Amino acid sequence: MKNPPGKGGRAISENYRVNQQIRVREVMVINAEGVNLGVLPTLEAIRKAQEAGGDLVEVSPDATPPVCRILDYGKYRYRQQKKVQQSKKKTHTTQLKEIRLGMKTGKHDLETKLRHVREFLDEGHKVMITLRFRGREMAHPELGMESIARIKAALADVAKVEKPAMQEGRRINMVLAKLPGPAKASEAAKATEPAKATEPVKPKEVSHAKDENAQRSQEAV
């Protein structure tokens, strides 16, 4: 853990004693500003901590006398828990996800699986595309390679090939990773939608102008 607020000090463990849990007769006290107040009777140190709106926390129980700090232990614990939660959110473990296909996978199922591939890549994972042969399909492995090539082309805007397609027995495997660079095509399209909506298009005005010209021509006749 990091040091608590104040100048210097040691990290505070969840197992350290606080306030009345401190059983020794006297302690070395450091206040919230990091100032050493010297050796004080434990009861007096607890009173000073309470007057300061904080807690007396035993940070060095093995010292002679034990060293205690005055601080708001509840707020400190809360801040530490928030830091741990934030660090967990920032920590990302890349996983290898697998999407399995067959030579007879339908169009709708294929679109669903490709959507899953995009989601995995967007989350920072790698994806292994596995195409499996069944029965007599093994007689035409080139058709499987063609299917893999079409999948690769369909994902070219978001994926790069990390491991080229390779046949292993009754399977063809290919590993994809997220394509580095600018935003995905779908995100770019969303970003341009407002601009498209504001483009000056006035078909009604043009039509109205034509009607007026026609009417004037008739009146002239």
C-alpha atoms as a PDB file:
ATOM      1  CA  MET A   1       0.000   0.000   0.000  1.00  0.00           C
ATOM      2  CA  LYS A   2       1.013   3.615  -0.469  1.00  0.00           C
ATOM      3  CA  ASN A   3       1.742   5.937   2.386  1.00  0.00           C
ATOM      4  CA  PRO A   4      -1.254   7.618   4.031  1.00  0.00           C
ATOM      5  CA  PRO A   5      -1.827  11.364   3.628  1.00  0.00           C
ATOM      6  CA  GLY A   6       0.729  13.546   5.355  1.00  0.00           C
ATOM      7  CA  LYS A   7       4.484  13.894   5.263  1.00  0.00           C
ATOM      8  CA  GLY A   8       6.209  10.540   5.215  1.00  0.00           C
ATOM      9  CA  GLY A   9       4.847   7.653   7.243  1.00  0.00           C
ATOM     10  CA  ARG A  10       4.439   3.970   6.672  1.00  0.00           C
ATOM     11  CA  ALA A  11       1.770   2.085   4.840  1.00  0.00           C
ATOM     12  CA  ILE A  12      -1.152   1.026   6.988  1.00  0.00           C
ATOM     13  CA  SER A  13      -2.178  -2.594   7.115  1.00  0.00           C
ATOM     14  CA  GLU A  14      -5.732  -3.753   7.634  1.00  0.00           C
ATOM     15  CA  ASN A  15      -4.426  -5.724  10.642  1.00  0.00           C
ATOM     16  CA  TYR A  16      -3.053  -2.709  12.490  1.00  0.00           C
ATOM     17  CA  ARG A  17      -4.709  -1.796  15.755  1.00  0.00           C
ATOM     18  CA  VAL A  18      -6.814   1.370  15.956  1.00  0.00           C
ATOM     19  CA  ASN A  19      -7.769   3.487  18.994  1.00  0.00           C
ATOM     20  CA  GLN A  20      -8.868   1.283  21.936  1.00  0.00           C
ATOM     21  CA  GLN A  21      -7.380  -1.780  20.229  1.00  0.00           C
ATOM     22  CA  ILE A  22      -3.940  -0.412  21.116  1.00  0.00           C
ATOM     23  CA  ARG A  23      -3.070  -2.084  24.454  1.00  0.00           C
ATOM     24  CA  VAL A  24       0.381  -0.670  25.265  1.00  0.00           C
ATOM     25  CA  ARG A  25       0.796   2.011  27.924  1.00  0.00           C
ATOM     26  CA  GLU A  26       2.485   4.684  25.790  1.00  0.00           C
ATOM     27  CA  VAL A  27       3.183   5.299  22.110  1.00  0.00           C
ATOM     28  CA  MET A  28       5.171   7.552  19.797  1.00  0.00           C
ATOM     29  CA  VAL A  29       2.641   9.831  18.074  1.00  0.00           C
ATOM     30  CA  ILE A  30       2.806  11.439  14.611  1.00  0.00           C
ATOM     31  CA  ASN A  31      -0.042  13.777  13.770  1.00  0.00           C
ATOM     32  CA  ALA A  32      -1.919  14.144  10.471  1.00  0.00           C
ATOM     33  CA  GLU A  33       0.617  16.722   9.210  1.00  0.00           C
ATOM     34  CA  GLY A  34       3.518  14.355   9.825  1.00  0.00           C
ATOM     35  CA  VAL A  35       4.771  16.184  12.918  1.00  0.00           C
ATOM     36  CA  ASN A  36       6.270  13.992  15.642  1.00  0.00           C
ATOM     37  CA  LEU A  37       4.472  14.770  18.918  1.00  0.00           C
ATOM     38  CA  GLY A  38       6.807  12.566  20.941  1.00  0.00           C
ATOM     39  CA  VAL A  39       5.982   9.758  23.364  1.00  0.00           C
ATOM     40  CA  LEU A  40       2.536  10.092  24.935  1.00  0.00           C
ATOM     41  CA  PRO A  41       0.350   7.907  27.158  1.00  0.00           C
ATOM     42  CA  THR A  42      -1.900   5.873  24.877  1.00  0.00           C
ATOM     43  CA  LEU A  43      -5.102   7.271  26.349  1.00  0.00           C
ATOM     44  CA  GLU A  44      -3.857  10.828  25.825  1.00  0.00           C
ATOM     45  CA  ALA A  45      -2.842   9.986  22.257  1.00  0.00           C
ATOM     46  CA  ILE A  46      -6.310   8.609  21.553  1.00  0.00           C
ATOM     47  CA  ARG A  47      -7.842  11.773  23.012  1.00  0.00           C
ATOM     48  CA  LYS A  48      -5.662  13.966  20.764  1.00  0.00           C
ATOM     49  CA  ALA A  49      -6.686  11.894  17.747  1.00  0.00           C
ATOM     50  CA  GLN A  50     -10.361  12.306  18.606  1.00  0.00           C
ATOM     51  CA  GLU A  51      -9.944  16.057  19.150  1.00  0.00           C
ATOM     52  CA  ALA A  52      -8.373  16.255  15.700  1.00  0.00           C
ATOM     53  CA  GLY A  53     -11.340  14.352  14.238  1.00  0.00           C
ATOM     54  CA  GLY A  54      -9.243  11.313  13.421  1.00  0.00           C
ATOM     55  CA  ASP A  55      -8.109   7.940  14.712  1.00  0.00           C
ATOM     56  CA  LEU A  56      -4.981   6.709  16.398  1.00  0.00           C
ATOM     57  CA  VAL A  57      -3.503   3.972  14.193  1.00  0.00           C
ATOM     58  CA  GLU A  58      -0.600   1.769  15.295  1.00  0.00           C
ATOM     59  CA  VAL A  59       1.672   1.724  12.243  1.00  0.00           C
ATOM     60  CA  SER A  60       4.854   0.285  13.806  1.00  0.00           C
ATOM     61  CA  PRO A  61       3.832  -2.201  16.519  1.00  0.00           C
ATOM     62  CA  ASP A  62       7.356  -3.658  16.825  1.00  0.00           C
ATOM     63  CA  ALA A  63       9.019  -0.340  17.627  1.00  0.00           C
ATOM     64  CA  THR A  64       9.836   0.667  21.232  1.00  0.00           C
ATOM     65  CA  PRO A  65       7.534   2.355  21.979  1.00  0.00           C
ATOM     66  CA  PRO A  66       5.117   1.503  19.127  1.00  0.00           C
ATOM     67  CA  VAL A  67       4.620   4.287  16.590  1.00  0.00           C
ATOM     68  CA  CYS A  68       1.096   5.574  15.925  1.00  0.00           C
ATOM     69  CA  ARG A  69      -0.315   8.036  13.416  1.00  0.00           C
ATOM     70  CA  ILE A  70      -3.335  10.303  13.733  1.00  0.00           C
ATOM     71  CA  LEU A  71      -5.589  10.157  10.677  1.00  0.00           C
ATOM     72  CA  ASP A  72      -9.135   9.447   9.534  1.00  0.00           C
ATOM     73  CA  TYR A  73      -8.831   5.703   9.209  1.00  0.00           C
ATOM     74  CA  GLY A  74     -12.279   5.247   7.632  1.00  0.00           C
ATOM     75  CA  LYS A  75     -11.555   7.745   4.856  1.00  0.00           C
ATOM     76  CA  TYR A  76      -8.113   6.260   4.338  1.00  0.00           C
ATOM     77  CA  ARG A  77      -9.536   2.741   3.952  1.00  0.00           C
ATOM     78  CA  TYR A  78     -12.161   4.056   1.529  1.00  0.00           C
ATOM     79  CA  ARG A  79      -9.542   5.787  -0.616  1.00  0.00           C
ATOM     80  CA  GLN A  80      -7.403   2.657  -0.686  1.00  0.00           C
ATOM     81  CA  GLN A  81     -10.348   0.510  -1.733  1.00  0.00           C
ATOM     82  CA  LYS A  82     -11.163   2.948  -4.550  1.00  0.00           C
ATOM     83  CA  LYS A  83      -7.572   2.831  -5.750  1.00  0.00           C
ATOM     84  CA  VAL A  84      -7.639  -0.965  -5.778  1.00  0.00           C
ATOM     85  CA  GLN A  85     -10.891  -0.965  -7.757  1.00  0.00           C
ATOM     86  CA  GLN A  86      -9.519   1.510 -10.285  1.00  0.00           C
ATOM     87  CA  SER A  87      -6.311  -0.459 -10.710  1.00  0.00           C
ATOM     88  CA  LYS A  88      -8.351  -3.610 -11.362  1.00  0.00           C
ATOM     89  CA  LYS A  89     -10.330  -1.813 -14.045  1.00  0.00           C
ATOM     90  CA  LYS A  90      -7.139  -0.650 -15.730  1.00  0.00           C
ATOM     91  CA  THR A  91      -5.591  -4.108 -15.579  1.00  0.00           C
ATOM     92  CA  HIS A  92      -6.503  -5.973 -18.732  1.00  0.00           C
ATOM     93  CA  THR A  93      -5.553  -9.563 -19.475  1.00  0.00           C
ATOM     94  CA  THR A  94      -5.510 -10.468 -23.147  1.00  0.00           C
ATOM     95  CA  GLN A  95      -7.252 -13.759 -23.816  1.00  0.00           C
ATOM     96  CA  LEU A  96      -7.414 -15.990 -26.869  1.00  0.00           C
ATOM     97  CA  LYS A  97     -11.050 -16.400 -27.819  1.00  0.00           C
ATOM     98  CA  GLU A  98     -12.158 -19.083 -30.253  1.00  0.00           C
ATOM     99  CA  ILE A  99     -14.902 -18.858 -32.861  1.00  0.00           C
ATOM    100  CA  ARG A 100     -15.830 -22.179 -34.458  1.00  0.00           C
ATOM    101  CA  LEU A 101     -17.268 -22.459 -37.938  1.00  0.00           C
ATOM    102  CA  GLY A 102     -18.203 -25.223 -40.330  1.00  0.00           C
ATOM    103  CA  MET A 103     -18.363 -25.496 -44.104  1.00  0.00           C
ATOM    104  CA  LYS A 104     -22.162 -25.428 -43.840  1.00  0.00           C
ATOM    105  CA  THR A 105     -22.458 -22.508 -41.414  1.00  0.00           C
ATOM    106  CA  GLY A 106     -25.400 -20.411 -42.600  1.00  0.00           C
ATOM    107  CA  LYS A 107     -25.218 -16.748 -43.548  1.00  0.00           C
ATOM    108  CA  HIS A 108     -27.107 -15.571 -40.466  1.00  0.00           C
ATOM    109  CA  ASP A 109     -24.961 -17.638 -38.081  1.00  0.00           C
ATOM    110  CA  LEU A 110     -21.819 -16.427 -39.818  1.00  0.00           C
ATOM    111  CA  GLU A 111     -22.834 -12.791 -39.406  1.00  0.00           C
ATOM    112  CA  THR A 112     -23.503 -13.396 -35.708  1.00  0.00           C
ATOM    113  CA  LYS A 113     -20.114 -15.045 -35.230  1.00  0.00           C
ATOM    114  CA  LEU A 114     -18.331 -12.247 -37.064  1.00  0.00           C
ATOM    115  CA  ARG A 115     -20.071  -9.739 -34.807  1.00  0.00           C
ATOM    116  CA  HIS A 116     -18.718 -11.656 -31.800  1.00  0.00           C
ATOM    117  CA  VAL A 117     -15.232 -11.545 -33.331  1.00  0.00           C
ATOM    118  CA  ARG A 118     -15.468  -7.764 -33.613  1.00  0.00           C
ATOM    119  CA  GLU A 119     -16.602  -7.482 -29.991  1.00  0.00           C
ATOM    120  CA  PHE A 120     -13.704  -9.639 -28.762  1.00  0.00           C
ATOM    121  CA  LEU A 121     -11.205  -7.623 -30.784  1.00  0.00           C
ATOM    122  CA  ASP A 122     -12.659  -4.354 -29.501  1.00  0.00           C
ATOM    123  CA  GLU A 123     -12.120  -5.630 -25.930  1.00  0.00           C
ATOM    124  CA  GLY A 124      -8.453  -6.216 -26.743  1.00  0.00           C
ATOM    125  CA  HIS A 125      -8.576  -9.993 -27.049  1.00  0.00           C
ATOM    126  CA  LYS A 126      -7.149 -12.159 -29.804  1.00  0.00           C
ATOM    127  CA  VAL A 127      -9.457 -14.459 -31.727  1.00  0.00           C
ATOM    128  CA  MET A 128      -8.756 -17.859 -33.238  1.00  0.00           C
ATOM    129  CA  ILE A 129     -11.033 -18.704 -36.153  1.00  0.00           C
ATOM    130  CA  THR A 130     -11.476 -22.467 -36.378  1.00  0.00           C
ATOM    131  CA  LEU A 131     -13.108 -23.991 -39.443  1.00  0.00           C
ATOM    132  CA  ARG A 132     -13.898 -27.693 -39.073  1.00  0.00           C
ATOM    133  CA  PHE A 133     -14.329 -30.258 -41.836  1.00  0.00           C
ATOM    134  CA  ARG A 134     -16.886 -33.036 -41.533  1.00  0.00           C
ATOM    135  CA  GLY A 135     -17.060 -36.275 -43.481  1.00  0.00           C
ATOM    136  CA  ARG A 136     -16.341 -35.874 -47.175  1.00  0.00           C
ATOM    137  CA  GLU A 137     -15.626 -32.162 -46.803  1.00  0.00           C
ATOM    138  CA  MET A 138     -12.007 -33.173 -46.226  1.00  0.00           C
ATOM    139  CA  ALA A 139     -11.766 -33.975 -49.949  1.00  0.00           C
ATOM    140  CA  HIS A 140     -11.821 -30.237 -50.766  1.00  0.00           C
ATOM    141  CA  PRO A 141      -9.623 -28.375 -48.275  1.00  0.00           C
ATOM    142  CA  GLU A 142      -9.227 -25.533 -50.782  1.00  0.00           C
ATOM    143  CA  LEU A 143     -12.879 -24.616 -50.191  1.00  0.00           C
ATOM    144  CA  GLY A 144     -12.109 -24.228 -46.503  1.00  0.00           C
ATOM    145  CA  MET A 145      -9.201 -21.926 -47.290  1.00  0.00           C
ATOM    146  CA  GLU A 146     -11.485 -19.860 -49.502  1.00  0.00           C
ATOM    147  CA  SER A 147     -13.968 -19.530 -46.625  1.00  0.00           C
ATOM    148  CA  ILE A 148     -11.200 -18.411 -44.274  1.00  0.00           C
ATOM    149  CA  ALA A 149     -10.026 -15.881 -46.859  1.00  0.00           C
ATOM    150  CA  ARG A 150     -13.545 -14.404 -47.088  1.00  0.00           C
ATOM    151  CA  ILE A 151     -13.716 -14.118 -43.294  1.00  0.00           C
ATOM    152  CA  LYS A 152     -10.343 -12.398 -43.273  1.00  0.00           C
ATOM    153  CA  ALA A 153     -11.561  -9.918 -45.897  1.00  0.00           C
ATOM    154  CA  ALA A 154     -14.791  -9.261 -43.966  1.00  0.00           C
ATOM    155  CA  LEU A 155     -12.789  -8.299 -40.873  1.00  0.00           C
ATOM    156  CA  ALA A 156      -9.999  -6.418 -42.638  1.00  0.00           C
ATOM    157  CA  ASP A 157     -11.194  -3.071 -41.245  1.00  0.00           C
ATOM    158  CA  VAL A 158     -10.662  -4.140 -37.613  1.00  0.00           C
ATOM    159  CA  ALA A 159      -8.331  -7.150 -37.627  1.00  0.00           C
ATOM    160  CA  LYS A 160      -4.845  -8.140 -38.644  1.00  0.00           C
ATOM    161  CA  VAL A 161      -3.634 -11.702 -39.074  1.00  0.00           C
ATOM    162  CA  GLU A 162      -1.324 -12.727 -36.251  1.00  0.00           C
ATOM    163  CA  LYS A 163      -1.125 -16.386 -37.265  1.00  0.00           C
ATOM    164  CA  PRO A 164      -1.900 -17.226 -40.913  1.00  0.00           C
ATOM    165  CA  ALA A 165      -4.483 -19.871 -41.753  1.00  0.00           C
ATOM    166  CA  MET A 166      -3.055 -23.356 -41.408  1.00  0.00           C
ATOM    167  CA  GLN A 167      -4.703 -26.735 -41.791  1.00  0.00           C
ATOM    168  CA  GLU A 168      -4.252 -29.116 -38.884  1.00  0.00           C
ATOM    169  CA  GLY A 169      -6.048 -32.386 -39.510  1.00  0.00           C
ATOM    170  CA  ARG A 170      -9.744 -31.676 -39.893  1.00  0.00           C
ATOM    171  CA  ARG A 171      -9.398 -28.035 -38.891  1.00  0.00           C
ATOM    172  CA  ILE A 172      -8.108 -24.792 -40.324  1.00  0.00           C
ATOM    173  CA  ASN A 173      -6.982 -22.278 -37.715  1.00  0.00           C
ATOM    174  CA  MET A 174      -6.257 -18.596 -38.095  1.00  0.00           C
ATOM    175  CA  VAL A 175      -5.490 -16.134 -35.271  1.00  0.00           C
ATOM    176  CA  LEU A 176      -6.554 -12.498 -35.517  1.00  0.00           C
ATOM    177  CA  ALA A 177      -5.583  -9.489 -33.402  1.00  0.00           C
ATOM    178  CA  LYS A 178      -7.002  -5.986 -33.199  1.00  0.00           C
ATOM    179  CA  LEU A 179      -5.817  -3.710 -35.962  1.00  0.00           C
ATOM    180  CA  PRO A 180      -3.938  -0.725 -34.491  1.00  0.00           C
ATOM    181  CA  GLY A 181      -4.596   2.753 -35.765  1.00  0.00           C
ATOM    182  CA  PRO A 182      -7.598   5.076 -36.123  1.00  0.00           C
ATOM    183  CA  ALA A 183     -11.145   4.398 -35.012  1.00  0.00           C
ATOM    184  CA  LYS A 184     -13.060   1.557 -36.564  1.00  0.00           C
ATOM    185  CA  ALA A 185     -15.125   2.152 -39.681  1.00  0.00           C
ATOM    186  CA  SER A 186     -18.367   1.796 -37.734  1.00  0.00           C
ATOM    187  CA  GLU A 187     -17.281   4.466 -35.238  1.00  0.00           C
ATOM    188  CA  ALA A 188     -16.120   6.745 -38.035  1.00  0.00           C
ATOM    189  CA  ALA A 189     -19.498   6.367 -39.728  1.00  0.00           C
ATOM    190  CA  LYS A 190     -21.293   7.350 -36.527  1.00  0.00           C
ATOM    191  CA  ALA A 191     -19.051  10.389 -36.166  1.00  0.00           C
ATOM    192  CA  THR A 192     -20.029  11.622 -39.639  1.00  0.00           C
ATOM    193  CA  GLU A 193     -23.770  11.123 -39.221  1.00  0.00           C
ATOM    194  CA  PRO A 194     -24.442  14.606 -37.759  1.00  0.00           C
ATOM    195  CA  ALA A 195     -22.532  16.218 -40.629  1.00  0.00           C
ATOM    196  CA  LYS A 196     -24.625  14.339 -43.166  1.00  0.00           C
ATOM    197  CA  ALA A 197     -27.799  15.378 -41.423  1.00  0.00           C
ATOM    198  CA  THR A 198     -26.902  19.063 -41.712  1.00  0.00           C
ATOM    199  CA  GLU A 199     -26.038  19.039 -45.418  1.00  0.00           C
ATOM    200  CA  PRO A 200     -28.166  21.642 -47.269  1.00  0.00           C
ATOM    201  CA  VAL A 201     -30.637  19.691 -49.351  1.00  0.00           C
ATOM    202  CA  LYS A 202     -33.641  21.661 -50.629  1.00  0.00           C
ATOM    203  CA  PRO A 203     -35.597  19.541 -53.091  1.00  0.00           C
ATOM    204  CA  LYS A 204     -38.902  21.238 -52.179  1.00  0.00           C
ATOM    205  CA  GLU A 205     -37.589  24.713 -52.970  1.00  0.00           C
ATOM    206  CA  VAL A 206     -36.312  23.604 -56.394  1.00  0.00           C
ATOM    207  CA  SER A 207     -39.640  21.973 -57.182  1.00  0.00           C
ATOM    208  CA  HIS A 208     -41.514  25.096 -56.067  1.00  0.00           C
ATOM    209  CA  ALA A 209     -39.356  27.248 -58.331  1.00  0.00           C
ATOM    210  CA  LYS A 210     -40.142  25.031 -61.311  1.00  0.00           C
ATOM    211  CA  ASP A 211     -43.869  25.314 -60.615  1.00  0.00           C
ATOM    212  CA  GLU A 212     -43.655  29.116 -60.499  1.00  0.00           C
ATOM    213  CA  ASN A 213     -41.772  29.255 -63.821  1.00  0.00           C
ATOM    214  CA  ALA A 214     -44.342  26.988 -65.473  1.00  0.00           C
ATOM    215  CA  GLN A 215     -47.209  29.136 -64.182  1.00  0.00           C
ATOM    216  CA  ARG A 216     -45.601  32.335 -65.515  1.00  0.00           C
ATOM    217  CA  SER A 217     -45.121  30.708 -68.928  1.00  0.00           C
ATOM    218  CA  GLN A 218     -48.801  29.783 -69.081  1.00  0.00           C
ATOM    219  CA  GLU A 219     -49.875  33.318 -68.126  1.00  0.00           C
ATOM    220  CA  ALA A 220     -47.640  34.776 -70.825  1.00  0.00           C
ATOM    221  CA  VAL A 221     -49.325  32.550 -73.430  1.00  0.00           C
END
